[in-house]
Protein backbone atom coordinates (compact mmCIF):
# COMPACT_ATOMS: atom_id res chain seq x y z
CA MET A 1 16.49 -2.14 22.46
CA VAL A 2 16.59 1.77 21.74
CA GLU A 3 16.59 3.83 24.83
CA THR A 4 14.63 7.13 24.48
CA GLU A 5 14.33 8.18 27.94
CA ASN A 6 17.31 10.54 27.87
CA ILE A 7 17.05 11.77 24.37
CA LYS A 8 16.70 15.39 23.78
CA GLN A 9 16.92 15.73 20.01
CA VAL A 10 15.51 13.45 17.41
CA TYR A 11 16.41 13.52 13.74
CA LEU A 12 14.44 11.55 11.05
CA LEU A 13 15.90 10.41 7.64
CA GLY A 14 12.80 9.94 5.47
CA ILE A 15 10.44 11.92 7.82
CA GLY A 16 7.81 12.42 5.08
CA GLY A 17 6.89 8.71 5.41
CA ILE A 18 3.72 7.75 6.91
CA GLY A 19 5.16 5.76 9.73
CA MET A 20 7.95 8.24 10.18
CA SER A 21 5.99 11.31 10.64
CA ALA A 22 3.99 9.58 13.30
CA LEU A 23 7.12 9.13 15.25
CA ALA A 24 8.30 12.73 14.64
CA ARG A 25 4.76 13.89 15.87
CA TYR A 26 5.11 11.64 19.10
CA PHE A 27 8.56 13.00 20.00
CA ARG A 28 7.73 16.56 19.48
CA PHE A 29 4.62 15.79 21.92
CA ALA A 30 6.93 14.54 24.34
CA GLY A 31 8.92 17.64 24.35
CA LYS A 32 12.04 16.63 22.09
CA GLN A 33 13.56 18.79 19.38
CA VAL A 34 12.41 17.13 16.21
CA SER A 35 13.63 17.82 12.79
CA GLY A 36 14.27 15.72 9.46
CA TYR A 37 15.10 15.07 5.87
CA ASP A 38 13.04 13.98 3.09
CA LYS A 39 13.73 13.36 -0.66
CA THR A 40 10.61 15.53 -1.93
CA PRO A 41 7.95 17.97 -0.44
CA SER A 42 4.57 16.38 0.27
CA PRO A 43 1.25 17.28 1.98
CA LEU A 44 2.70 15.49 4.90
CA THR A 45 5.93 17.18 5.06
CA ASP A 46 3.96 20.45 4.63
CA GLU A 47 1.86 19.49 7.83
CA LEU A 48 5.03 18.67 9.64
CA ILE A 49 6.63 22.07 8.94
CA ALA A 50 3.45 23.78 9.91
CA GLU A 51 3.41 22.17 13.18
CA GLY A 52 6.71 23.33 13.84
CA ILE A 53 8.97 20.56 12.77
CA PRO A 54 11.90 21.68 10.40
CA VAL A 55 12.43 19.65 7.38
CA HIS A 56 14.76 20.08 4.34
CA PHE A 57 14.75 18.27 0.94
CA GLN A 58 18.43 18.63 -0.35
CA GLU A 59 21.38 16.20 0.22
CA GLU A 60 23.58 18.72 1.71
CA LEU A 61 25.57 18.07 5.09
CA GLN A 62 25.33 21.80 5.79
CA LEU A 63 21.51 21.83 6.11
CA LEU A 64 21.80 19.08 9.00
CA PRO A 65 20.55 20.75 12.14
CA SER A 66 23.12 21.19 15.17
CA LEU A 67 23.60 17.84 16.47
CA ASN A 68 26.23 18.24 18.90
CA GLU A 69 25.35 16.01 21.77
CA ARG A 70 25.54 12.38 20.46
CA GLU A 71 24.43 10.82 23.83
CA THR A 72 21.16 12.68 23.71
CA THR A 73 20.48 12.59 19.94
CA LEU A 74 18.61 9.78 18.30
CA VAL A 75 18.57 9.37 14.54
CA ILE A 76 15.79 7.44 13.02
CA LEU A 77 15.98 5.85 9.57
CA THR A 78 13.47 4.45 7.23
CA PRO A 79 14.57 1.49 4.87
CA ALA A 80 13.73 3.75 1.77
CA VAL A 81 16.91 5.72 2.67
CA PRO A 82 19.91 3.99 0.88
CA GLU A 83 23.08 3.04 2.82
CA HIS A 84 25.25 5.39 0.73
CA PHE A 85 23.19 8.45 1.32
CA GLY A 86 25.63 11.18 2.33
CA GLU A 87 23.81 12.32 5.84
CA LEU A 88 23.59 8.76 6.86
CA VAL A 89 27.20 7.99 6.16
CA TRP A 90 28.25 11.17 8.02
CA LEU A 91 26.22 10.53 11.04
CA ARG A 92 27.36 6.84 11.32
CA LEU A 93 30.96 7.83 10.88
CA ASN A 94 30.48 10.56 13.72
CA ASP A 95 29.01 7.70 16.02
CA PHE A 96 25.49 8.98 16.34
CA VAL A 97 23.09 6.45 17.35
CA VAL A 98 21.09 5.44 14.29
CA ALA A 99 17.95 3.08 14.66
CA LYS A 100 15.36 1.95 12.40
CA ARG A 101 11.76 3.16 12.65
CA SER A 102 10.61 -0.45 13.70
CA GLU A 103 13.23 -0.61 16.43
CA VAL A 104 11.97 2.83 18.03
CA LEU A 105 8.43 1.75 17.77
CA GLY A 106 9.13 -1.49 19.30
CA SER A 107 10.89 0.30 22.18
CA LEU A 108 8.06 2.61 22.72
CA SER A 109 5.67 -0.39 23.03
CA ARG A 110 7.48 -2.25 25.71
CA ASP A 111 5.93 -0.63 28.50
CA LYS A 112 2.57 -0.53 26.94
CA SER A 113 -0.32 -2.99 26.36
CA CYS A 114 0.18 -3.44 22.78
CA ILE A 115 -2.30 -4.40 20.10
CA ALA A 116 -0.30 -5.09 16.89
CA ILE A 117 -2.35 -5.20 13.69
CA ALA A 118 -0.48 -7.21 10.77
CA GLY A 119 -1.23 -8.70 7.62
CA THR A 120 -0.24 -8.34 3.88
CA HIS A 121 -3.57 -6.45 3.27
CA GLY A 122 -5.95 -4.34 5.17
CA LYS A 123 -3.69 -3.76 8.27
CA THR A 124 -3.94 0.20 7.86
CA SER A 125 -7.65 0.17 7.68
CA VAL A 126 -8.09 -2.26 10.64
CA THR A 127 -5.41 -0.34 12.69
CA THR A 128 -7.37 3.12 11.98
CA MET A 129 -10.77 1.46 12.67
CA THR A 130 -9.51 -0.21 16.05
CA ALA A 131 -7.99 3.10 17.32
CA TYR A 132 -11.20 4.98 16.42
CA LEU A 133 -13.44 2.45 18.32
CA LEU A 134 -11.10 2.65 21.52
CA LYS A 135 -10.77 6.47 21.06
CA GLU A 136 -14.43 6.99 21.01
CA SER A 137 -14.98 4.78 23.97
CA HIS A 138 -14.30 5.17 27.61
CA VAL A 139 -11.18 2.87 27.01
CA ASP A 140 -9.14 5.28 25.05
CA CYS A 141 -5.49 4.36 23.51
CA CYS A 142 -2.51 5.76 21.86
CA ALA A 143 -2.10 4.70 18.09
CA PHE A 144 0.36 4.68 15.41
CA MET A 145 -1.40 4.38 12.00
CA GLY A 146 -0.22 3.69 8.67
CA GLY A 147 -2.50 6.18 7.11
CA LEU A 148 -4.15 9.49 7.83
CA SER A 149 -7.46 9.07 9.78
CA ARG A 150 -10.21 11.18 8.29
CA ASN A 151 -11.93 11.38 11.57
CA TYR A 152 -8.81 13.07 13.37
CA GLY A 153 -6.72 14.34 10.44
CA THR A 154 -3.57 12.42 11.67
CA ASN A 155 -1.76 9.30 11.84
CA LEU A 156 -1.00 9.49 15.52
CA LEU A 157 -3.36 9.52 18.36
CA LEU A 158 -2.39 10.28 22.03
CA PRO A 159 -4.42 9.10 24.90
CA GLY A 160 -6.70 11.68 26.66
CA ASN A 161 -6.47 9.62 29.94
CA ASP A 162 -4.29 7.06 31.57
CA SER A 163 -5.06 4.50 29.13
CA ASN A 164 -1.89 2.13 28.61
CA LEU A 165 -3.26 0.65 25.41
CA MET A 166 -1.32 1.17 22.35
CA VAL A 167 -2.57 0.24 18.84
CA ALA A 168 0.26 -0.08 16.30
CA GLU A 169 0.34 -1.02 12.55
CA ALA A 170 2.81 -4.03 12.23
CA ASP A 171 4.51 -4.03 8.92
CA GLU A 172 5.87 -7.15 7.56
CA PHE A 173 8.25 -5.36 5.17
CA ASP A 174 11.80 -5.47 6.19
CA ARG A 175 10.62 -8.04 9.13
CA SER A 176 9.66 -4.74 10.87
CA PHE A 177 6.99 -6.48 12.76
CA LEU A 178 9.43 -8.59 14.56
CA ARG A 179 10.12 -5.86 16.75
CA LEU A 180 6.92 -5.96 18.53
CA PHE A 181 6.03 -8.16 21.53
CA PRO A 182 2.21 -7.38 21.70
CA LYS A 183 -0.52 -8.33 24.01
CA MET A 184 -3.00 -8.72 21.39
CA ALA A 185 -2.45 -9.28 17.84
CA VAL A 186 -4.42 -9.34 14.42
CA ILE A 187 -3.64 -11.12 11.23
CA THR A 188 -5.64 -9.96 8.28
CA TRP A 189 -3.84 -11.91 5.42
CA MET A 190 -0.64 -13.76 4.71
CA ASP A 191 -0.65 -13.58 0.87
CA PRO A 192 2.79 -13.72 -0.83
CA ASP A 193 4.27 -10.37 -0.89
CA HIS A 194 7.65 -8.67 -0.21
CA LEU A 195 9.46 -11.64 -1.83
CA ASP A 196 12.47 -9.21 -2.62
CA ILE A 197 12.75 -9.33 1.16
CA TYR A 198 11.58 -12.98 2.00
CA GLY A 199 12.62 -14.87 -0.93
CA THR A 200 9.73 -17.42 -0.83
CA ALA A 201 6.10 -17.47 0.38
CA ASP A 202 7.06 -20.06 2.97
CA GLN A 203 9.65 -17.69 4.42
CA LEU A 204 7.17 -15.05 4.73
CA VAL A 205 4.86 -17.48 6.65
CA ASP A 206 7.76 -18.33 8.86
CA ALA A 207 7.90 -14.71 9.91
CA PHE A 208 4.50 -14.45 10.74
CA ALA A 209 4.93 -17.55 12.87
CA THR A 210 7.75 -15.76 14.64
CA PHE A 211 5.55 -12.76 15.27
CA VAL A 212 2.81 -14.84 16.67
CA GLY A 213 5.24 -16.55 18.91
CA GLN A 214 6.12 -13.11 20.30
CA ILE A 215 2.61 -12.45 21.93
CA THR A 216 3.05 -12.56 25.42
CA GLU A 217 1.85 -15.11 27.59
CA GLY A 218 -1.94 -15.14 28.24
CA GLY A 219 -2.37 -12.74 25.20
CA THR A 220 -4.67 -13.05 22.05
CA LEU A 221 -4.43 -13.47 18.38
CA LEU A 222 -7.26 -12.65 16.14
CA TYR A 223 -7.24 -13.92 12.52
CA ARG A 224 -9.29 -13.96 9.38
CA VAL A 225 -10.82 -17.20 8.48
CA GLY A 226 -8.91 -18.80 5.83
CA VAL A 227 -5.49 -17.41 6.93
CA ALA A 228 -3.35 -20.66 7.61
CA ILE A 229 -2.63 -20.03 11.22
CA GLU A 230 -1.09 -22.91 13.20
CA ARG A 231 -1.84 -22.90 16.84
CA GLU A 232 1.36 -24.58 17.79
CA TRP A 233 3.07 -21.26 16.90
CA ASN A 234 2.10 -19.98 20.37
CA ASN A 235 0.39 -22.35 22.83
CA LYS A 236 0.38 -19.78 25.70
CA ILE A 237 -2.22 -17.43 24.00
CA GLN A 238 -5.87 -17.80 23.14
CA TYR A 239 -6.98 -17.75 19.46
CA PHE A 240 -10.07 -15.96 17.82
CA SER A 241 -11.21 -15.96 14.08
CA TYR A 242 -13.33 -13.42 12.20
CA SER A 243 -15.31 -13.43 8.82
CA VAL A 244 -18.00 -11.80 6.97
CA SER A 245 -18.92 -14.78 4.97
CA GLU A 246 -18.04 -18.01 7.12
CA LYS A 247 -18.63 -19.05 10.49
CA ALA A 248 -16.12 -17.71 12.97
CA ASP A 249 -15.81 -16.49 16.67
CA PHE A 250 -16.70 -12.96 15.32
CA SER A 251 -19.07 -13.15 12.31
CA VAL A 252 -21.04 -10.72 10.30
CA VAL A 253 -24.49 -11.80 9.23
CA ASN A 254 -27.58 -10.20 7.52
CA ILE A 255 -25.46 -7.54 5.48
CA GLU A 256 -27.75 -5.15 3.53
CA VAL A 257 -26.81 -2.03 1.55
CA THR A 258 -29.12 0.86 2.09
CA GLY A 259 -28.51 4.41 0.55
CA GLY A 260 -24.78 3.56 0.15
CA ALA A 261 -24.50 2.13 3.95
CA TYR A 262 -23.75 -1.20 5.06
CA ARG A 263 -26.11 -2.58 7.85
CA PHE A 264 -25.35 -5.61 9.56
CA ASP A 265 -25.33 -7.86 12.61
CA LEU A 266 -22.19 -9.33 14.67
CA ILE A 267 -22.21 -12.53 16.27
CA SER A 268 -19.55 -12.92 18.84
CA PRO A 269 -18.66 -14.46 22.06
CA PHE A 270 -19.90 -11.43 23.74
CA GLY A 271 -23.42 -12.02 22.12
CA GLU A 272 -25.12 -10.60 19.07
CA LEU A 273 -24.85 -6.86 18.25
CA LYS A 274 -27.74 -5.97 16.05
CA GLY A 275 -27.88 -3.03 13.70
CA ILE A 276 -24.37 -1.72 12.93
CA THR A 277 -24.43 0.73 10.46
CA LEU A 278 -21.22 1.83 8.47
CA HIS A 279 -21.35 4.56 5.99
CA TYR A 280 -17.67 3.97 4.74
CA PRO A 281 -18.01 2.15 1.45
CA GLY A 282 -16.35 -1.08 0.31
CA LEU A 283 -17.32 -4.51 1.20
CA MET A 284 -13.67 -5.35 2.43
CA ASN A 285 -14.06 -2.36 4.93
CA VAL A 286 -17.02 -4.47 6.38
CA GLU A 287 -14.49 -7.13 6.84
CA ASN A 288 -11.95 -4.92 8.33
CA LEU A 289 -14.38 -3.42 10.66
CA THR A 290 -15.29 -6.97 11.83
CA ALA A 291 -11.64 -7.31 13.06
CA ALA A 292 -11.69 -3.93 14.71
CA LEU A 293 -14.97 -4.67 16.34
CA ALA A 294 -13.55 -7.91 17.71
CA MET A 295 -10.50 -5.93 19.23
CA ALA A 296 -12.82 -3.42 20.60
CA LEU A 297 -15.23 -5.81 22.44
CA LEU A 298 -12.06 -7.91 23.69
CA ASN A 299 -10.66 -4.48 25.21
CA GLY A 300 -13.78 -3.57 26.92
CA VAL A 301 -15.61 -1.17 24.56
CA THR A 302 -19.46 -1.63 25.17
CA LYS A 303 -21.89 -2.42 22.73
CA GLU A 304 -23.73 0.91 23.20
CA GLU A 305 -20.42 2.65 22.51
CA ILE A 306 -19.81 0.78 19.23
CA LEU A 307 -23.38 1.26 18.06
CA ALA A 308 -22.95 5.08 18.53
CA SER A 309 -19.61 5.40 16.96
CA VAL A 310 -19.30 3.07 13.81
CA PRO A 311 -21.81 5.38 11.82
CA ASN A 312 -19.60 8.27 12.34
CA TYR A 313 -16.29 6.47 11.03
CA LYS A 314 -14.86 8.31 8.21
CA GLY A 315 -12.09 6.12 6.79
CA VAL A 316 -8.42 6.64 5.91
CA GLU A 317 -7.00 8.62 3.15
CA ARG A 318 -6.31 6.49 0.11
CA ARG A 319 -8.25 3.54 1.39
CA PHE A 320 -11.37 3.45 -0.56
CA ASP A 321 -11.34 7.09 -0.54
CA ILE A 322 -14.33 8.90 -2.48
CA ARG A 323 -12.69 11.97 -3.76
CA TYR A 324 -15.51 13.36 -5.97
CA LYS A 325 -19.07 12.49 -6.30
CA GLY A 326 -20.86 14.39 -9.06
CA VAL A 327 -24.17 14.15 -10.89
CA GLN A 328 -22.70 11.96 -13.46
CA ARG A 329 -19.34 10.61 -12.15
CA VAL A 330 -17.60 9.20 -8.96
CA TYR A 331 -13.88 9.23 -8.35
CA ILE A 332 -12.33 6.96 -5.81
CA ASP A 333 -8.67 6.61 -4.77
CA ASP A 334 -7.08 3.54 -3.16
CA TYR A 335 -3.74 2.27 -2.07
CA ALA A 336 -4.33 -1.10 -3.64
CA HIS A 337 -0.77 -2.34 -4.93
CA HIS A 338 -1.24 -6.14 -4.70
CA PRO A 339 -3.20 -8.34 -6.97
CA ARG A 340 -5.49 -9.31 -4.10
CA GLU A 341 -6.07 -5.77 -3.15
CA LEU A 342 -7.00 -4.67 -6.49
CA GLU A 343 -9.43 -7.41 -7.06
CA ALA A 344 -11.01 -6.68 -3.53
CA THR A 345 -11.29 -2.91 -4.44
CA ILE A 346 -12.70 -3.41 -7.91
CA MET A 347 -15.28 -5.96 -6.67
CA SER A 348 -16.30 -3.58 -3.81
CA VAL A 349 -17.02 -0.93 -6.47
CA ARG A 350 -19.03 -3.13 -8.45
CA HIS A 351 -20.95 -4.14 -5.33
CA LEU A 352 -21.66 -0.49 -4.46
CA TYR A 353 -22.36 0.66 -7.83
CA PRO A 354 -24.04 -2.11 -9.90
CA GLY A 355 -24.20 -1.99 -13.56
CA ARG A 356 -21.80 1.13 -13.86
CA LYS A 357 -18.80 1.32 -16.06
CA ILE A 358 -15.29 1.35 -14.14
CA THR A 359 -12.33 3.12 -15.61
CA GLY A 360 -9.11 2.31 -13.47
CA ILE A 361 -5.65 3.95 -13.63
CA PHE A 362 -3.02 1.77 -12.02
CA GLN A 363 0.50 2.45 -10.97
CA PRO A 364 2.67 -0.70 -10.34
CA HIS A 365 4.61 -0.47 -7.33
CA LEU A 366 8.19 -2.10 -7.49
CA PHE A 367 9.68 -3.83 -10.27
CA THR A 368 10.13 -7.07 -8.21
CA ARG A 369 6.55 -7.03 -7.33
CA THR A 370 5.49 -6.45 -10.87
CA ARG A 371 7.63 -9.33 -11.94
CA ASP A 372 6.53 -11.84 -9.22
CA PHE A 373 2.63 -11.32 -9.59
CA VAL A 374 2.40 -9.90 -13.35
CA ASP A 375 -0.30 -12.75 -13.97
CA GLY A 376 -2.30 -11.77 -10.97
CA PHE A 377 -2.08 -8.02 -11.82
CA ALA A 378 -3.41 -8.82 -15.27
CA GLU A 379 -6.34 -10.98 -14.07
CA SER A 380 -7.37 -8.35 -11.53
CA LEU A 381 -7.12 -5.46 -13.97
CA ASP A 382 -9.33 -7.37 -16.50
CA LEU A 383 -12.17 -6.98 -13.89
CA LEU A 384 -12.33 -3.09 -14.98
CA ASP A 385 -14.10 -2.11 -18.03
CA GLU A 386 -11.28 0.13 -19.20
CA ALA A 387 -7.67 0.16 -17.90
CA LEU A 388 -4.79 2.68 -17.84
CA VAL A 389 -1.45 1.33 -16.88
CA MET A 390 1.06 3.71 -15.77
CA GLU A 391 4.88 3.19 -15.78
CA ILE A 392 6.26 1.25 -12.58
CA TYR A 393 7.11 3.34 -9.42
CA PRO A 394 10.50 1.95 -8.27
CA ALA A 395 10.73 3.19 -4.80
CA ARG A 396 13.82 1.74 -3.49
CA GLU A 397 14.71 -0.48 -6.39
CA GLU A 398 16.71 -0.35 -9.48
CA PRO A 399 15.02 -1.27 -12.90
CA ILE A 400 14.99 -5.01 -13.89
CA PRO A 401 15.30 -5.62 -17.60
CA GLY A 402 12.06 -6.56 -19.35
CA VAL A 403 10.02 -5.61 -16.33
CA ASP A 404 7.65 -2.65 -17.07
CA ALA A 405 4.11 -1.65 -17.50
CA GLY A 406 4.03 -3.47 -20.96
CA MET A 407 4.43 -6.72 -19.19
CA ILE A 408 1.16 -6.44 -17.48
CA LEU A 409 -0.58 -5.18 -20.48
CA ASN A 410 0.54 -7.98 -22.64
CA LYS A 411 -0.97 -10.49 -20.17
CA MET A 412 -4.31 -8.81 -19.90
CA LYS A 413 -7.51 -9.88 -22.02
CA LEU A 414 -9.25 -6.63 -21.54
CA LYS A 415 -9.90 -4.69 -24.76
CA SER A 416 -9.76 -1.27 -23.60
CA LYS A 417 -6.41 -0.93 -22.15
CA GLN A 418 -3.62 1.50 -22.49
CA ARG A 419 -0.15 2.36 -21.39
CA CYS A 420 0.49 5.79 -20.15
CA SER A 421 2.64 8.12 -17.77
CA ALA A 422 1.88 10.57 -15.14
CA GLY A 423 2.27 13.52 -17.65
CA ASP A 424 -0.49 12.30 -19.72
CA PHE A 425 -3.22 13.18 -17.16
CA PRO A 426 -5.59 14.45 -17.09
CA ALA A 427 -5.80 15.27 -20.78
CA ILE A 428 -5.58 11.51 -21.71
CA LEU A 429 -8.98 11.04 -20.20
CA ASP A 430 -10.86 13.18 -22.75
CA LYS A 431 -11.03 10.03 -25.08
CA TYR A 432 -13.00 8.33 -22.37
CA LYS A 433 -16.60 8.57 -21.27
CA LEU A 434 -16.09 8.46 -17.62
CA ASP A 435 -18.61 7.23 -15.16
CA ILE A 436 -16.82 5.43 -12.06
CA LEU A 437 -13.03 6.42 -11.94
CA LEU A 438 -10.47 4.64 -9.65
CA THR A 439 -6.81 5.55 -9.17
CA LEU A 440 -4.94 2.60 -7.59
CA GLY A 441 -1.39 2.14 -6.45
CA ALA A 442 1.06 2.73 -3.55
CA GLY A 443 3.57 5.06 -5.54
CA ASP A 444 3.28 8.77 -6.20
CA ILE A 445 -0.06 8.37 -8.19
CA ASP A 446 -1.72 10.16 -5.33
CA ARG A 447 -0.24 13.29 -6.84
CA LEU A 448 -2.92 12.97 -9.63
CA VAL A 449 -5.65 13.18 -7.15
CA PHE A 450 -6.24 16.93 -7.01
CA PRO A 451 -5.75 17.49 -10.66
CA LEU A 452 -8.25 14.74 -11.42
CA ILE A 453 -10.83 16.09 -8.96
CA GLU A 454 -10.47 19.50 -10.90
CA TYR A 455 -10.87 17.86 -14.20
CA LEU A 456 -14.08 16.16 -13.09
CA LYS A 457 -15.47 19.32 -11.71
CA GLU A 458 -14.76 21.13 -15.02
CA LYS A 459 -16.42 18.30 -16.98
CA GLU A 460 -19.54 18.46 -14.64
CA ASP A 461 -19.87 22.21 -15.17
CA ALA A 462 -19.32 21.90 -18.95
């Protein structure tokens, strides 16, 4: 376990990551000297600098801050930083304490009543929704979120009272979630993913089983109906299920779409909760909210508080994020990077905008994921009316021969499909008669968002 009590300085390698930036903000709030490195500037690093946290972007040792006291300095590392990175090598050679982000988050959660949100899809939305419902109630919480909450403009929430609750996104990548020993946990999905880490789907499930086994005695697991949970994974906890379409402990009924908002009722062990109104779009977000509602009720949030707060929920950046709504066109940006997520997003758009034409721009994320799920990507993208597939965003990986955007396109049955690169936008869209536009992916496709918004505004004014 990483000891943080006597730490005076915190240096973060990869400070611009969504999880790393939350830790940077947390330690600055705690009165530590905080600084960091990232590969490229981003809106997040701009925000950190504006908040008084120094960040540099060149791999030069002289840019390292003055880290003289090894005993009171903590270096936090994101898995995206390669082992041969010069600063990391120097810090280790000079015996600085270097810990992974997940280790630090695990240490911070040890003296908290931790609610850990896990799953291969939907965990960021469920984490943010759960934190929002608790924060807007008398219960309150601290929260480390894997996305930027639109209600609060941040990925870190600090308690305003003496609440000991901590909501944490529990990431299965690199087995990070196994650093957590929560009092309560949610599992949204256990679809195969991160097979570059786990090797097989069975090994991924084994990791989830270990995670469930780490829920503390007398604790609670909430899981989505259909997820293959085995109750013998932990026989010292209670289990609850949730669903939007099937019978469950927490289940949604009477869903209606009125004026772009979802209205529904919740059946639960706490009785029926009628007339919940969610203005944040996407049918999958009704499902995500169901999990968050369950966690809120299980932690003492009142029905009255829920009915008052849900209509004001604004969502998460890059999760079914409506970035532009004009007279003729709508533009939605989403982080979907797995076939199941693509399908859920596209079908939610069809549910919200029936009969309208959908043009999607997709950037595959990772060579291994593209190789492992090429058939699924092709099937999901075939749900579009028009598809533009960008080159693969490599992140931490080296290229794999034969694995590229064309691999997906060759499997697709859709007639209107095209291979493209970031430099082609927005001009390439002149040949399309846009109605609903989607950008999809977990790489740097978000850099297209503002140019696309300006492009659509110009088209609207023309």
